[in-house]
Amino acid sequence: MDLMLLDKVAIVTGASKGIGMAVTEALADEGALVVAAARGISSLQGLQNVTAVAIDLSDRSAPAELVQRALDKYGRVDVLVNNIGGLRIGLDGFLTLTDSDFQWALEMNFFTTLRASRAALPAMVQQGSGAIVNIASVNSFFQPDGSTIEYGAAKAAVVNLTKSLAQEFGSQGIRVNAVSPGPVSTDLWLGEGGVAETVATARGTDACTARDSIVEGMGGIATGRFTTPEDVANLVALLASPRTSNVTGANYLIDGGLIKTT
């Protein structure tokens, strides 16, 4: 199916690896002109239809600067994918968490999304069209334990923002949706210092055993595998596409059947 993204201008944040890289490649493969942002951009060099921008989006002024870079180069913004985020695994319980821990999670996961959306929306309003896709998480409503409580709170704020913006800007031709992955085969889960390794160290076991134990504790994944970044990217590309022109304010799960209820 042609997703009708040829020559559409798309901004992707956190684009250098994992979900962000997969989304960048998926949109570029569909013919979109992708402005791909990350702190390190070596992995993005040489990709066709991709303009790599080295930028630290945790800086308050950076999201607006990124959007302006896209506008200066192409004169419009058709798609914004707010993918950047971060997670610090804490295994010692809620009472060990400080205001700073929650502030960091909100800055990395919510305010980056808020600021980039605020920067992109005026151009979308002016052109009368646009699509924003926010990467949230099943942790926005599902907490099997307290190890990701601040991350879950920040992602819940992302989902709430998604629905609010969809209502306000829907009549102006702008769609805003969220994608909530479960466990994804990225460094966040499986890499050095990721969830599996952190839990394994705390329990005195290996990362594979820890990973399987975590998934079992959450009730298991019906498909028997983690979601891949490419799985998420395919869904994001569809939501960015005019093919889903009457889909807005939705939060799509992609978790292999981890969540058993609706």
C-alpha atoms as a PDB file:
ATOM      1  CA  MET A   1       0.000   0.000   0.000  1.00  0.00           C
ATOM      2  CA  ASP A   2       1.259   3.465  -0.899  1.00  0.00           C
ATOM      3  CA  LEU A   3       1.187   5.493   2.314  1.00  0.00           C
ATOM      4  CA  MET A   4       1.098   8.765   0.329  1.00  0.00           C
ATOM      5  CA  LEU A   5       4.118  10.161   2.173  1.00  0.00           C
ATOM      6  CA  LEU A   6       6.179  11.073  -0.889  1.00  0.00           C
ATOM      7  CA  ASP A   7       7.910  14.426  -0.288  1.00  0.00           C
ATOM      8  CA  LYS A   8       6.145  14.942   3.041  1.00  0.00           C
ATOM      9  CA  VAL A   9       8.448  16.628   5.555  1.00  0.00           C
ATOM     10  CA  ALA A  10       8.814  14.595   8.733  1.00  0.00           C
ATOM     11  CA  ILE A  11      10.706  15.341  11.942  1.00  0.00           C
ATOM     12  CA  VAL A  12      11.785  12.387  14.085  1.00  0.00           C
ATOM     13  CA  THR A  13      13.329  12.887  17.516  1.00  0.00           C
ATOM     14  CA  GLY A  14      15.653  10.405  19.216  1.00  0.00           C
ATOM     15  CA  ALA A  15      16.394   9.140  15.721  1.00  0.00           C
ATOM     16  CA  SER A  16      19.849   7.595  15.978  1.00  0.00           C
ATOM     17  CA  LYS A  17      18.940   4.128  17.260  1.00  0.00           C
ATOM     18  CA  GLY A  18      16.138   1.771  18.248  1.00  0.00           C
ATOM     19  CA  ILE A  19      12.595   2.875  17.498  1.00  0.00           C
ATOM     20  CA  GLY A  20      13.707   6.296  16.288  1.00  0.00           C
ATOM     21  CA  MET A  21      16.097   4.858  13.720  1.00  0.00           C
ATOM     22  CA  ALA A  22      13.479   2.371  12.515  1.00  0.00           C
ATOM     23  CA  VAL A  23      10.886   5.156  12.158  1.00  0.00           C
ATOM     24  CA  THR A  24      13.375   7.328  10.271  1.00  0.00           C
ATOM     25  CA  GLU A  25      14.123   4.524   7.834  1.00  0.00           C
ATOM     26  CA  ALA A  26      10.453   3.592   7.398  1.00  0.00           C
ATOM     27  CA  LEU A  27       9.392   7.148   6.593  1.00  0.00           C
ATOM     28  CA  ALA A  28      12.365   7.700   4.280  1.00  0.00           C
ATOM     29  CA  ASP A  29      11.594   4.447   2.465  1.00  0.00           C
ATOM     30  CA  GLU A  30       8.095   5.824   1.820  1.00  0.00           C
ATOM     31  CA  GLY A  31       9.634   8.882   0.182  1.00  0.00           C
ATOM     32  CA  ALA A  32       9.292  11.318   3.076  1.00  0.00           C
ATOM     33  CA  LEU A  33      11.966  13.956   3.625  1.00  0.00           C
ATOM     34  CA  VAL A  34      13.076  13.199   7.168  1.00  0.00           C
ATOM     35  CA  VAL A  35      14.758  15.608   9.545  1.00  0.00           C
ATOM     36  CA  ALA A  36      16.247  13.179  12.040  1.00  0.00           C
ATOM     37  CA  ALA A  37      17.412  14.547  15.394  1.00  0.00           C
ATOM     38  CA  ALA A  38      19.680  13.023  18.020  1.00  0.00           C
ATOM     39  CA  ARG A  39      22.669  13.973  20.139  1.00  0.00           C
ATOM     40  CA  GLY A  40      24.909  11.660  18.103  1.00  0.00           C
ATOM     41  CA  ILE A  41      24.154  11.297  14.407  1.00  0.00           C
ATOM     42  CA  SER A  42      26.896   9.054  13.012  1.00  0.00           C
ATOM     43  CA  SER A  43      24.386   6.231  12.452  1.00  0.00           C
ATOM     44  CA  LEU A  44      22.206   8.547  10.363  1.00  0.00           C
ATOM     45  CA  GLN A  45      24.882   9.693   7.938  1.00  0.00           C
ATOM     46  CA  GLY A  46      24.361   8.689   4.325  1.00  0.00           C
ATOM     47  CA  LEU A  47      20.730   7.664   4.612  1.00  0.00           C
ATOM     48  CA  GLN A  48      18.727   8.695   1.564  1.00  0.00           C
ATOM     49  CA  ASN A  49      16.051  11.353   2.157  1.00  0.00           C
ATOM     50  CA  VAL A  50      17.405  11.968   5.678  1.00  0.00           C
ATOM     51  CA  THR A  51      18.834  15.199   7.060  1.00  0.00           C
ATOM     52  CA  ALA A  52      20.583  14.451  10.344  1.00  0.00           C
ATOM     53  CA  VAL A  53      20.600  17.149  13.019  1.00  0.00           C
ATOM     54  CA  ALA A  54      22.883  16.867  16.035  1.00  0.00           C
ATOM     55  CA  ILE A  55      20.992  18.421  18.914  1.00  0.00           C
ATOM     56  CA  ASP A  56      20.283  17.819  22.604  1.00  0.00           C
ATOM     57  CA  LEU A  57      16.520  17.988  22.909  1.00  0.00           C
ATOM     58  CA  SER A  58      16.649  18.073  26.686  1.00  0.00           C
ATOM     59  CA  ASP A  59      17.700  21.712  26.259  1.00  0.00           C
ATOM     60  CA  ARG A  60      14.524  23.784  26.570  1.00  0.00           C
ATOM     61  CA  SER A  61      15.151  25.779  23.400  1.00  0.00           C
ATOM     62  CA  ALA A  62      16.260  22.826  21.272  1.00  0.00           C
ATOM     63  CA  PRO A  63      12.858  21.495  20.082  1.00  0.00           C
ATOM     64  CA  ALA A  64      11.930  24.898  18.654  1.00  0.00           C
ATOM     65  CA  GLU A  65      15.368  25.137  17.040  1.00  0.00           C
ATOM     66  CA  LEU A  66      14.880  21.712  15.456  1.00  0.00           C
ATOM     67  CA  VAL A  67      11.493  22.624  13.995  1.00  0.00           C
ATOM     68  CA  GLN A  68      12.910  25.869  12.650  1.00  0.00           C
ATOM     69  CA  ARG A  69      15.721  23.916  10.955  1.00  0.00           C
ATOM     70  CA  ALA A  70      13.080  21.863   9.124  1.00  0.00           C
ATOM     71  CA  LEU A  71      11.110  24.965   8.168  1.00  0.00           C
ATOM     72  CA  ASP A  72      14.223  26.746   6.925  1.00  0.00           C
ATOM     73  CA  LYS A  73      15.154  23.781   4.727  1.00  0.00           C
ATOM     74  CA  TYR A  74      11.745  22.697   3.432  1.00  0.00           C
ATOM     75  CA  GLY A  75       9.245  25.443   4.299  1.00  0.00           C
ATOM     76  CA  ARG A  76       6.771  23.130   5.987  1.00  0.00           C
ATOM     77  CA  VAL A  77       6.339  20.335   8.539  1.00  0.00           C
ATOM     78  CA  ASP A  78       3.874  17.566   7.713  1.00  0.00           C
ATOM     79  CA  VAL A  79       4.764  14.952  10.320  1.00  0.00           C
ATOM     80  CA  LEU A  80       6.266  15.108  13.805  1.00  0.00           C
ATOM     81  CA  VAL A  81       7.260  11.878  15.560  1.00  0.00           C
ATOM     82  CA  ASN A  82       8.065  12.519  19.213  1.00  0.00           C
ATOM     83  CA  ASN A  83      10.155   9.483  20.011  1.00  0.00           C
ATOM     84  CA  ILE A  84      12.858  10.774  22.356  1.00  0.00           C
ATOM     85  CA  GLY A  85      12.622   9.482  25.905  1.00  0.00           C
ATOM     86  CA  GLY A  86      14.526   7.918  28.722  1.00  0.00           C
ATOM     87  CA  LEU A  87      14.171   5.505  31.615  1.00  0.00           C
ATOM     88  CA  ARG A  88      16.167   5.041  34.798  1.00  0.00           C
ATOM     89  CA  ILE A  89      15.387   1.734  36.454  1.00  0.00           C
ATOM     90  CA  GLY A  90      14.968   1.997  40.214  1.00  0.00           C
ATOM     91  CA  LEU A  91      14.660  -1.170  42.263  1.00  0.00           C
ATOM     92  CA  ASP A  92      14.484   0.263  45.775  1.00  0.00           C
ATOM     93  CA  GLY A  93      10.882   1.463  45.837  1.00  0.00           C
ATOM     94  CA  PHE A  94       8.886   4.667  45.715  1.00  0.00           C
ATOM     95  CA  LEU A  95      10.182   6.090  48.984  1.00  0.00           C
ATOM     96  CA  THR A  96      13.729   6.239  47.601  1.00  0.00           C
ATOM     97  CA  LEU A  97      12.673   8.426  44.669  1.00  0.00           C
ATOM     98  CA  THR A  98      13.139  12.183  44.888  1.00  0.00           C
ATOM     99  CA  ASP A  99      11.497  15.118  43.156  1.00  0.00           C
ATOM    100  CA  SER A 100      14.585  15.214  40.932  1.00  0.00           C
ATOM    101  CA  ASP A 101      13.923  11.675  39.733  1.00  0.00           C
ATOM    102  CA  PHE A 102      10.412  12.597  38.650  1.00  0.00           C
ATOM    103  CA  GLN A 103      11.601  15.887  37.174  1.00  0.00           C
ATOM    104  CA  TRP A 104      14.187  14.078  35.039  1.00  0.00           C
ATOM    105  CA  ALA A 105      11.585  11.622  33.747  1.00  0.00           C
ATOM    106  CA  LEU A 106       9.170  14.421  32.910  1.00  0.00           C
ATOM    107  CA  GLU A 107      11.844  16.485  31.173  1.00  0.00           C
ATOM    108  CA  MET A 108      13.046  13.569  29.041  1.00  0.00           C
ATOM    109  CA  ASN A 109       9.698  12.022  28.177  1.00  0.00           C
ATOM    110  CA  PHE A 110       7.015  14.689  28.480  1.00  0.00           C
ATOM    111  CA  PHE A 111       8.518  18.135  28.071  1.00  0.00           C
ATOM    112  CA  THR A 112      10.502  17.152  24.986  1.00  0.00           C
ATOM    113  CA  THR A 113       7.207  16.063  23.405  1.00  0.00           C
ATOM    114  CA  LEU A 114       5.362  19.138  24.646  1.00  0.00           C
ATOM    115  CA  ARG A 115       7.975  21.593  23.359  1.00  0.00           C
ATOM    116  CA  ALA A 116       8.384  19.984  19.946  1.00  0.00           C
ATOM    117  CA  SER A 117       4.602  19.868  19.477  1.00  0.00           C
ATOM    118  CA  ARG A 118       4.265  23.495  20.525  1.00  0.00           C
ATOM    119  CA  ALA A 119       6.934  24.449  17.987  1.00  0.00           C
ATOM    120  CA  ALA A 120       5.507  22.429  15.082  1.00  0.00           C
ATOM    121  CA  LEU A 121       1.804  23.155  15.479  1.00  0.00           C
ATOM    122  CA  PRO A 122       1.795  26.781  14.225  1.00  0.00           C
ATOM    123  CA  ALA A 123       3.232  25.693  10.861  1.00  0.00           C
ATOM    124  CA  MET A 124       0.754  22.824  10.657  1.00  0.00           C
ATOM    125  CA  VAL A 125      -2.128  25.160  11.478  1.00  0.00           C
ATOM    126  CA  GLN A 126      -0.986  27.601   8.800  1.00  0.00           C
ATOM    127  CA  GLN A 127      -0.839  24.895   6.136  1.00  0.00           C
ATOM    128  CA  GLY A 128      -4.078  23.293   7.351  1.00  0.00           C
ATOM    129  CA  SER A 129      -2.701  19.792   7.779  1.00  0.00           C
ATOM    130  CA  GLY A 130      -0.301  17.709   9.794  1.00  0.00           C
ATOM    131  CA  ALA A 131       0.174  14.536  11.807  1.00  0.00           C
ATOM    132  CA  ILE A 132       1.848  14.133  15.177  1.00  0.00           C
ATOM    133  CA  VAL A 133       2.689  10.669  16.511  1.00  0.00           C
ATOM    134  CA  ASN A 134       3.885  10.423  20.106  1.00  0.00           C
ATOM    135  CA  ILE A 135       5.716   7.377  21.407  1.00  0.00           C
ATOM    136  CA  ALA A 136       4.202   6.601  24.798  1.00  0.00           C
ATOM    137  CA  SER A 137       4.347   3.232  26.611  1.00  0.00           C
ATOM    138  CA  VAL A 138       2.157   0.577  28.158  1.00  0.00           C
ATOM    139  CA  ASN A 139       3.622   1.930  31.400  1.00  0.00           C
ATOM    140  CA  SER A 140       1.385   4.965  30.969  1.00  0.00           C
ATOM    141  CA  PHE A 141      -1.369   2.833  32.515  1.00  0.00           C
ATOM    142  CA  PHE A 142       0.224  -0.503  33.403  1.00  0.00           C
ATOM    143  CA  GLN A 143       2.610  -0.805  36.360  1.00  0.00           C
ATOM    144  CA  PRO A 144       3.447  -4.421  37.276  1.00  0.00           C
ATOM    145  CA  ASP A 145       5.814  -3.084  39.950  1.00  0.00           C
ATOM    146  CA  GLY A 146       7.209   0.221  41.175  1.00  0.00           C
ATOM    147  CA  SER A 147      10.462   0.187  39.217  1.00  0.00           C
ATOM    148  CA  THR A 148       9.207   2.516  36.464  1.00  0.00           C
ATOM    149  CA  ILE A 149       6.771   4.706  38.367  1.00  0.00           C
ATOM    150  CA  GLU A 150       8.250   8.052  37.310  1.00  0.00           C
ATOM    151  CA  TYR A 151       8.596   6.898  33.703  1.00  0.00           C
ATOM    152  CA  GLY A 152       4.981   5.716  33.700  1.00  0.00           C
ATOM    153  CA  ALA A 153       3.772   9.037  35.098  1.00  0.00           C
ATOM    154  CA  ALA A 154       5.619  10.925  32.353  1.00  0.00           C
ATOM    155  CA  LYS A 155       4.270   8.671  29.613  1.00  0.00           C
ATOM    156  CA  ALA A 156       0.742   9.032  31.022  1.00  0.00           C
ATOM    157  CA  ALA A 157       1.189  12.776  30.611  1.00  0.00           C
ATOM    158  CA  VAL A 158       2.198  12.159  26.981  1.00  0.00           C
ATOM    159  CA  VAL A 159      -1.017  10.213  26.343  1.00  0.00           C
ATOM    160  CA  ASN A 160      -3.102  12.929  28.011  1.00  0.00           C
ATOM    161  CA  LEU A 161      -1.394  15.612  25.910  1.00  0.00           C
ATOM    162  CA  THR A 162      -2.020  13.534  22.791  1.00  0.00           C
ATOM    163  CA  LYS A 163      -5.749  13.388  23.415  1.00  0.00           C
ATOM    164  CA  SER A 164      -5.973  17.072  24.354  1.00  0.00           C
ATOM    165  CA  LEU A 165      -4.166  18.262  21.233  1.00  0.00           C
ATOM    166  CA  ALA A 166      -6.244  15.944  19.043  1.00  0.00           C
ATOM    167  CA  GLN A 167      -9.409  17.642  20.298  1.00  0.00           C
ATOM    168  CA  GLU A 168      -8.147  21.186  19.952  1.00  0.00           C
ATOM    169  CA  PHE A 169      -6.534  20.902  16.524  1.00  0.00           C
ATOM    170  CA  GLY A 170      -8.637  18.254  14.795  1.00  0.00           C
ATOM    171  CA  SER A 171     -10.870  20.823  13.112  1.00  0.00           C
ATOM    172  CA  GLN A 172      -7.750  22.432  11.619  1.00  0.00           C
ATOM    173  CA  GLY A 173      -6.671  19.323   9.756  1.00  0.00           C
ATOM    174  CA  ILE A 174      -4.155  18.076  12.309  1.00  0.00           C
ATOM    175  CA  ARG A 175      -4.196  14.563  13.713  1.00  0.00           C
ATOM    176  CA  VAL A 176      -2.454  13.595  16.951  1.00  0.00           C
ATOM    177  CA  ASN A 177      -2.055   9.972  18.011  1.00  0.00           C
ATOM    178  CA  ALA A 178       0.096   7.925  20.372  1.00  0.00           C
ATOM    179  CA  VAL A 179       1.725   4.532  20.113  1.00  0.00           C
ATOM    180  CA  SER A 180       2.299   2.579  23.326  1.00  0.00           C
ATOM    181  CA  PRO A 181       4.800  -0.253  22.952  1.00  0.00           C
ATOM    182  CA  GLY A 182       5.313  -3.006  25.454  1.00  0.00           C
ATOM    183  CA  PRO A 183       8.807  -4.517  25.754  1.00  0.00           C
ATOM    184  CA  VAL A 184      10.832  -3.709  22.624  1.00  0.00           C
ATOM    185  CA  SER A 185      14.108  -5.306  21.565  1.00  0.00           C
ATOM    186  CA  THR A 186      16.165  -2.137  22.008  1.00  0.00           C
ATOM    187  CA  ASP A 187      19.031  -1.097  24.274  1.00  0.00           C
ATOM    188  CA  LEU A 188      16.473   0.212  26.777  1.00  0.00           C
ATOM    189  CA  TRP A 189      15.474  -3.363  27.502  1.00  0.00           C
ATOM    190  CA  LEU A 190      18.303  -5.566  26.274  1.00  0.00           C
ATOM    191  CA  GLY A 191      21.393  -3.366  26.017  1.00  0.00           C
ATOM    192  CA  GLU A 192      24.195  -2.594  28.445  1.00  0.00           C
ATOM    193  CA  GLY A 193      22.675  -0.966  31.529  1.00  0.00           C
ATOM    194  CA  GLY A 194      19.174  -1.779  30.251  1.00  0.00           C
ATOM    195  CA  VAL A 195      16.251  -3.221  32.158  1.00  0.00           C
ATOM    196  CA  ALA A 196      17.301  -6.876  31.880  1.00  0.00           C
ATOM    197  CA  GLU A 197      20.905  -6.266  32.874  1.00  0.00           C
ATOM    198  CA  THR A 198      19.987  -3.977  35.763  1.00  0.00           C
ATOM    199  CA  VAL A 199      17.529  -6.479  37.220  1.00  0.00           C
ATOM    200  CA  ALA A 200      19.978  -9.337  36.649  1.00  0.00           C
ATOM    201  CA  THR A 201      22.675  -7.545  38.617  1.00  0.00           C
ATOM    202  CA  ALA A 202      20.287  -6.896  41.504  1.00  0.00           C
ATOM    203  CA  ARG A 203      19.141 -10.514  41.582  1.00  0.00           C
ATOM    204  CA  GLY A 204      22.513 -12.124  41.015  1.00  0.00           C
ATOM    205  CA  THR A 205      21.506 -13.818  37.783  1.00  0.00           C
ATOM    206  CA  ASP A 206      22.072 -13.363  34.037  1.00  0.00           C
ATOM    207  CA  ALA A 207      20.264 -10.939  31.745  1.00  0.00           C
ATOM    208  CA  CYS A 208      18.361 -13.614  29.811  1.00  0.00           C
ATOM    209  CA  THR A 209      16.983 -15.162  32.985  1.00  0.00           C
ATOM    210  CA  ALA A 210      16.054 -11.745  34.337  1.00  0.00           C
ATOM    211  CA  ARG A 211      14.310 -10.818  31.086  1.00  0.00           C
ATOM    212  CA  ASP A 212      12.236 -13.998  31.078  1.00  0.00           C
ATOM    213  CA  SER A 213      11.374 -13.548  34.754  1.00  0.00           C
ATOM    214  CA  ILE A 214      10.237  -9.952  34.210  1.00  0.00           C
ATOM    215  CA  VAL A 215       8.008 -10.919  31.290  1.00  0.00           C
ATOM    216  CA  GLU A 216       6.534 -13.847  33.232  1.00  0.00           C
ATOM    217  CA  GLY A 217       5.809 -11.522  36.141  1.00  0.00           C
ATOM    218  CA  MET A 218       3.891  -9.215  33.823  1.00  0.00           C
ATOM    219  CA  GLY A 219       1.682 -12.072  32.659  1.00  0.00           C
ATOM    220  CA  GLY A 220       3.595 -13.156  29.569  1.00  0.00           C
ATOM    221  CA  ILE A 221       3.586 -12.048  25.938  1.00  0.00           C
ATOM    222  CA  ALA A 222       1.029 -13.933  23.834  1.00  0.00           C
ATOM    223  CA  THR A 223       3.153 -13.868  20.665  1.00  0.00           C
ATOM    224  CA  GLY A 224       6.150 -15.170  22.592  1.00  0.00           C
ATOM    225  CA  ARG A 225       8.503 -12.403  21.494  1.00  0.00           C
ATOM    226  CA  PHE A 226       9.436  -8.793  22.115  1.00  0.00           C
ATOM    227  CA  THR A 227       8.173  -6.172  19.715  1.00  0.00           C
ATOM    228  CA  THR A 228      10.863  -5.056  17.264  1.00  0.00           C
ATOM    229  CA  PRO A 229      11.635  -1.405  16.469  1.00  0.00           C
ATOM    230  CA  GLU A 230      10.470  -2.127  12.920  1.00  0.00           C
ATOM    231  CA  ASP A 231       7.090  -3.317  14.224  1.00  0.00           C
ATOM    232  CA  VAL A 232       6.637   0.031  15.957  1.00  0.00           C
ATOM    233  CA  ALA A 233       7.909   1.969  12.944  1.00  0.00           C
ATOM    234  CA  ASN A 234       5.350   0.369  10.632  1.00  0.00           C
ATOM    235  CA  LEU A 235       2.528   1.471  12.916  1.00  0.00           C
ATOM    236  CA  VAL A 236       3.961   4.973  13.240  1.00  0.00           C
ATOM    237  CA  ALA A 237       4.257   5.316   9.456  1.00  0.00           C
ATOM    238  CA  LEU A 238       0.628   4.275   9.028  1.00  0.00           C
ATOM    239  CA  LEU A 239      -0.545   6.845  11.591  1.00  0.00           C
ATOM    240  CA  ALA A 240       1.567   9.509   9.888  1.00  0.00           C
ATOM    241  CA  SER A 241      -0.041   8.668   6.565  1.00  0.00           C
ATOM    242  CA  PRO A 242      -3.101  10.329   4.996  1.00  0.00           C
ATOM    243  CA  ARG A 243      -4.430   6.765   4.727  1.00  0.00           C
ATOM    244  CA  THR A 244      -5.492   7.159   8.384  1.00  0.00           C
ATOM    245  CA  SER A 245      -6.958  10.623   7.839  1.00  0.00           C
ATOM    246  CA  ASN A 246      -9.836  10.175  10.297  1.00  0.00           C
ATOM    247  CA  VAL A 247      -7.822   8.588  13.102  1.00  0.00           C
ATOM    248  CA  THR A 248      -6.941  11.003  15.879  1.00  0.00           C
ATOM    249  CA  GLY A 249      -6.789  11.041  19.667  1.00  0.00           C
ATOM    250  CA  ALA A 250      -6.031   7.312  19.721  1.00  0.00           C
ATOM    251  CA  ASN A 251      -3.440   5.404  21.733  1.00  0.00           C
ATOM    252  CA  TYR A 252      -2.414   2.223  19.924  1.00  0.00           C
ATOM    253  CA  LEU A 253      -0.913  -0.680  21.881  1.00  0.00           C
ATOM    254  CA  ILE A 254       1.785  -2.753  20.253  1.00  0.00           C
ATOM    255  CA  ASP A 255       2.814  -5.256  22.881  1.00  0.00           C
ATOM    256  CA  GLY A 256       2.405  -8.782  21.505  1.00  0.00           C
ATOM    257  CA  GLY A 257      -0.660  -9.321  23.706  1.00  0.00           C
ATOM    258  CA  LEU A 258       1.037  -8.362  26.988  1.00  0.00           C
ATOM    259  CA  ILE A 259      -1.982  -6.326  28.099  1.00  0.00           C
ATOM    260  CA  LYS A 260      -4.882  -8.728  28.549  1.00  0.00           C
ATOM    261  CA  THR A 261      -7.701  -6.238  29.170  1.00  0.00           C
ATOM    262  CA  THR A 262      -8.899  -3.084  27.438  1.00  0.00           C
END
